[in-house]
Amino acid sequence: MGSYILILVLITERGVNMLHKVKIQTSHHSQMVDITRQVAEAVNQENITSGSVLVFCPHTTAAVTINENADPDVIHDILTRLEEMYPWNHPLDRHGEGNSAAHLKASTIGASELIPVTEGRLLLGTWQGIYFCEFDGPRSRTFYVKVCADNKG
C-alpha cells in the first residue's frame, strides 16, 4: 500500500511501563500502514512476559485500528467504504482547511488500541494486524507505544 519510513525513539526512563515514540512518513492521501512488527519490537525491547500495550495516535486526521492483515483487499475495501461514507468534497463542510472528511474518518476509527501481552507476545488473532491509518497525507506522523508489565506479586 505504498512506502513509508519508521523511526523508533525511546522517550522515557528505564524500567517497566516504557513509552516508545515512533515516527512514520506516509506516502498517500489515504492509507493503512501495518505497524504490528514495530509494536511487537517495542514489547520485545521491554522484555515483558505479561501485560498490555497501548498504541496511541496523537493526530486528529489519522487513527489506529486492528484488522485483517492477510488479504490486502480488506484494507482497500475499508478505505473505499470510508471514502463513500465521508467524501473529501462535501458541499456542507465548513472547516476552512478542507479536510473535514479526514477528521470524520479518524474519529470513526479511533485514536488508540489496547492489546494484551501474554508469554511475551502480542495477543492478536491469527489474521489480525495493527494499522496506522492516514487520512490526510502524505505527512510525517507520530504514534506512541506504551508497554505496561503486569505487577508481580
Protein backbone atom coordinates (compact mmCIF):
# COMPACT_ATOMS: atom_id res chain seq x y z
CA MET A 1 0.00 0.00 0.00
CA GLY A 2 2.87 2.37 -0.59
CA SER A 3 6.13 3.26 1.02
CA TYR A 4 6.72 4.65 4.47
CA ILE A 5 9.55 5.28 6.90
CA LEU A 6 9.50 4.28 10.55
CA ILE A 7 11.83 5.61 13.22
CA LEU A 8 11.60 4.25 16.77
CA VAL A 9 12.65 6.54 19.60
CA LEU A 10 12.66 5.58 23.28
CA ILE A 11 11.45 8.58 25.25
CA THR A 12 11.13 7.57 28.89
CA GLU A 13 13.36 6.36 31.67
CA ARG A 14 14.40 2.75 32.15
CA GLY A 15 12.07 0.21 33.75
CA VAL A 16 8.58 -1.09 33.15
CA ASN A 17 5.85 0.94 31.52
CA MET A 18 8.10 2.31 28.82
CA LEU A 19 6.82 4.74 26.22
CA HIS A 20 8.13 4.48 22.67
CA LYS A 21 7.68 7.26 20.13
CA VAL A 22 7.52 6.03 16.54
CA LYS A 23 7.82 8.40 13.60
CA ILE A 24 6.25 7.44 10.30
CA GLN A 25 6.22 9.08 6.87
CA THR A 26 3.10 8.22 4.94
CA SER A 27 3.09 8.32 1.17
CA HIS A 28 -0.57 8.53 0.17
CA HIS A 29 -3.57 10.71 0.87
CA SER A 30 -5.37 7.74 2.49
CA GLN A 31 -3.56 4.60 3.50
CA MET A 32 -3.29 1.98 6.22
CA VAL A 33 0.23 1.01 7.27
CA ASP A 34 0.74 -2.30 9.10
CA ILE A 35 2.68 -1.38 12.27
CA THR A 36 2.34 -4.77 14.02
CA ARG A 37 6.06 -5.51 13.75
CA GLN A 38 7.06 -2.17 15.27
CA VAL A 39 4.65 -2.65 18.18
CA ALA A 40 5.95 -6.19 18.76
CA GLU A 41 9.54 -4.87 18.72
CA ALA A 42 8.67 -2.38 21.48
CA VAL A 43 7.27 -5.24 23.58
CA ASN A 44 10.41 -7.30 22.93
CA GLN A 45 12.68 -4.40 23.93
CA GLU A 46 10.94 -4.18 27.29
CA ASN A 47 11.33 -7.92 27.84
CA ILE A 48 7.91 -8.36 29.50
CA THR A 49 6.07 -11.67 29.57
CA SER A 50 2.64 -10.47 30.63
CA GLY A 51 0.88 -7.12 30.45
CA SER A 52 -0.55 -4.86 27.80
CA VAL A 53 0.49 -2.41 25.14
CA LEU A 54 -1.33 0.78 24.24
CA VAL A 55 -0.89 2.17 20.74
CA PHE A 56 -1.93 5.84 20.53
CA CYS A 57 -2.20 8.28 17.61
CA PRO A 58 -1.93 11.97 18.64
CA HIS A 59 -3.31 13.32 15.35
CA THR A 60 -6.84 14.48 14.51
CA THR A 61 -6.69 13.27 10.90
CA ALA A 62 -5.09 9.86 11.48
CA ALA A 63 -6.06 6.82 13.55
CA VAL A 64 -5.04 3.39 14.83
CA THR A 65 -7.01 0.17 14.36
CA ILE A 66 -6.77 -3.61 14.41
CA ASN A 67 -7.99 -5.51 11.38
CA GLU A 68 -7.16 -8.29 8.95
CA ASN A 69 -3.59 -8.34 7.67
CA ALA A 70 -3.73 -11.41 5.41
CA ASP A 71 -5.70 -10.09 2.43
CA PRO A 72 -4.78 -6.60 1.15
CA ASP A 73 -8.24 -6.30 -0.40
CA VAL A 74 -9.65 -5.80 3.10
CA ILE A 75 -7.59 -2.62 3.51
CA HIS A 76 -8.65 -1.45 0.08
CA ASP A 77 -12.30 -2.07 0.95
CA ILE A 78 -12.04 -0.25 4.30
CA LEU A 79 -10.51 2.83 2.68
CA THR A 80 -13.03 2.73 -0.19
CA ARG A 81 -16.02 2.46 2.14
CA LEU A 82 -14.73 5.23 4.41
CA GLU A 83 -14.42 7.44 1.34
CA GLU A 84 -18.01 6.60 0.41
CA MET A 85 -19.19 7.49 3.91
CA TYR A 86 -17.08 10.63 4.16
CA PRO A 87 -16.32 12.04 0.68
CA TRP A 88 -13.44 14.50 0.54
CA ASN A 89 -15.54 17.25 -1.03
CA HIS A 90 -18.92 17.71 0.61
CA PRO A 91 -20.99 20.84 -0.06
CA LEU A 92 -21.99 21.24 3.61
CA ASP A 93 -18.47 21.07 5.08
CA ARG A 94 -17.41 24.37 6.65
CA HIS A 95 -13.94 23.62 8.06
CA GLY A 96 -11.51 26.07 6.47
CA GLU A 97 -8.70 23.59 5.86
CA GLY A 98 -10.97 21.47 3.66
CA ASN A 99 -10.12 18.21 5.42
CA SER A 100 -13.31 17.56 7.37
CA ALA A 101 -13.54 14.09 5.84
CA ALA A 102 -10.17 13.19 7.39
CA HIS A 103 -11.35 14.34 10.82
CA LEU A 104 -14.53 12.29 10.50
CA LYS A 105 -12.64 9.16 9.40
CA ALA A 106 -10.16 9.50 12.28
CA SER A 107 -12.98 9.93 14.80
CA THR A 108 -14.78 6.90 13.39
CA ILE A 109 -11.74 4.62 13.55
CA GLY A 110 -10.33 5.94 16.84
CA ALA A 111 -7.08 7.18 18.32
CA SER A 112 -5.89 4.07 20.19
CA GLU A 113 -5.86 0.31 20.61
CA LEU A 114 -5.06 -1.74 23.73
CA ILE A 115 -3.53 -5.16 23.10
CA PRO A 116 -2.86 -7.80 25.76
CA VAL A 117 0.63 -9.28 26.01
CA THR A 118 0.98 -12.90 27.07
CA GLU A 119 4.09 -15.10 27.05
CA GLY A 120 5.99 -12.09 25.70
CA ARG A 121 3.85 -11.77 22.57
CA LEU A 122 1.00 -9.60 21.37
CA LEU A 123 -2.30 -11.43 21.84
CA LEU A 124 -3.75 -10.93 18.37
CA GLY A 125 -5.96 -13.22 16.32
CA THR A 126 -4.48 -15.28 13.50
CA TRP A 127 -5.43 -12.76 10.84
CA GLN A 128 -5.14 -9.56 12.89
CA GLY A 129 -2.64 -6.75 12.42
CA ILE A 130 -2.27 -3.28 13.94
CA TYR A 131 -2.62 -0.41 11.48
CA PHE A 132 -1.73 3.27 11.43
CA CYS A 133 -4.45 4.92 9.33
CA GLU A 134 -3.57 8.04 7.36
CA PHE A 135 -6.49 10.15 6.15
CA ASP A 136 -4.82 13.45 5.19
CA GLY A 137 -1.44 12.54 3.78
CA PRO A 138 1.17 12.24 2.78
CA ARG A 139 2.64 13.54 6.03
CA SER A 140 5.23 12.99 8.71
CA ARG A 141 3.37 11.39 11.60
CA THR A 142 4.00 10.01 15.06
CA PHE A 143 2.39 7.31 17.15
CA TYR A 144 3.18 6.11 20.66
CA VAL A 145 3.55 2.62 22.07
CA LYS A 146 3.13 2.35 25.85
CA VAL A 147 4.29 -1.04 27.16
CA CYS A 148 2.88 -1.95 30.59
CA ALA A 149 4.04 -5.02 32.50
CA ASP A 150 1.71 -6.79 34.90
CA ASN A 151 2.71 -6.40 38.53
CA LYS A 152 4.39 -9.43 40.04
CA GLY A 153 3.32 -10.46 43.45
